[in-house]
Amino acid sequence: MSARSTHRRRGSAKANATIEKTKTEADRSKIRSPSRRSPRREGRWLNKRAKLRLLKKSSKRIDKNNTQDMTTDEVLGTIDLGSTDSRAKWVAFVMTEYPTVKKLMTLFSDFRKKKTSTIKSAPKSSTMLRFGDRNRYEDILCLDATRVILKERPPENDYIHASWMRMPDSMAYICTQAPMKSTMEDFWHMIFTEKVSMIIMLCSYTEDNMSKCDVYLPETTDSATYGPYKVTKKSSPSINIESVKHRVFEVQKTGSPGTITVSHFIHSGWLDHFAPKSPGGIVQLLKLAREKSNNCPVVVHCSAGIGRSATFIAIDYGSQRVKEMPTLNPLDIVKEVRLMRHQSVQSYFQFGFMIMCIFDLFLQDGVITKNPQAVSRYISGYTQFVVRKGKT
């Protein structure tokens, strides 16, 4: 036998021994495997672990920076706030469907992403296009179906960028843009002919060095004239609502025997596109408007007349609508008020604030008879969210 054949046999034997050793080590490693569970037991173990993680996650608010915790029962929908009142049922419904304020606001954000609107695709608003100089913003529509038609004016001169917004209980608001130099007389004509007893101004004349509203009141004098209308300052009653100033004016028209008295409230603590950090002041102002309206329309304006103003009115509208439907989706409130004032409620801040104000209104009215602390904690979650965002 040759030396070469002997070498080959020795090499083959060595290779076979190495392979057998490798197989043996692999078998031993399988025996040492940390997972000795059967597939069925493995599935049960993983399922149990997932359930524990879910329970821990649901027992706290999703918002990591929120220091106020909610119980697992509250998150999972067993909130009992007084079952005899549909308004309490609605609050429980909203808190169950949207356990955190962040989730609630996301509802509106998703809606805005899907919803697109242009002048061409929007509901009919052809009248405003004929009066371009009377519109503060050309992309803010005034719907023909709900626009305020100026009384005692011919059709070619009966336009103002203002909309009727009627509540389920028939109370009427006029939601309008801020007066301009070109619409000052029209504004006071609307106030006088509609016998308005209250004006709520939710903006400042200037914000961030930008004009938001022209001066339409006698600010530096006792009286001022706007066309045939003379507006005279009568008094400045004190009011215990934060950021709100109250004044009373008398309006007289040249050649007309009567006068009307108008209460003017200006709230200066609400930034454009955003919302106050707590609902208390706006809820107080809303309740005051309802008490002092004297069955007359209440005029509400900011700058464009769709964000702050429409949100204010939507609080009243929503608080009444949920009496009829305790499972009303919060977003439906926005959709319904937009049929009266197009583009109402501009941002998720305003949407969240609207819901918090409805909650707070029900708390103040004693509607929440059980577990009011849960509702208060939910509102506190909104406050913390807005403060963290720095939008107050």
Foldseek 3Di string as FASTA:
>chain_A
DDPVVVVVVVVVVVVVVVVVVVVVVVVVVVVVDPDPDDPVVVVVVVVVVVVVVVQVCQQADVPPPAPDGHGNCLQCQPDDQDPPFLLSLLLSLVCNVQVALVSVLVVVVVVVVVDDDFCVRDADQVVCVLVVVQAPDPGFGQHPVFFQFQPPDPPVPRHHSWGWDAAPVGAIAIQHAAGDLVCLLVVVSCCVVLLWAEEEEEEDCDDPNHGQHDDNAPPPDQWDDDVQKIKGWDDWDDDDAPQKTKTKIWIDGPPDDDIGIHIYIYRHPQDPLAGDLAQVRLLVVLVVCVVPRPSTYYYYYYRNRAAPRLLSVLLRRVLVVSSVPSNDDLVVSVVVSCVGGPCHHPHSNSSSSSVLNSLVNCVVVCVRVPDNVSSVSNSVSSSVVCVVVVRD
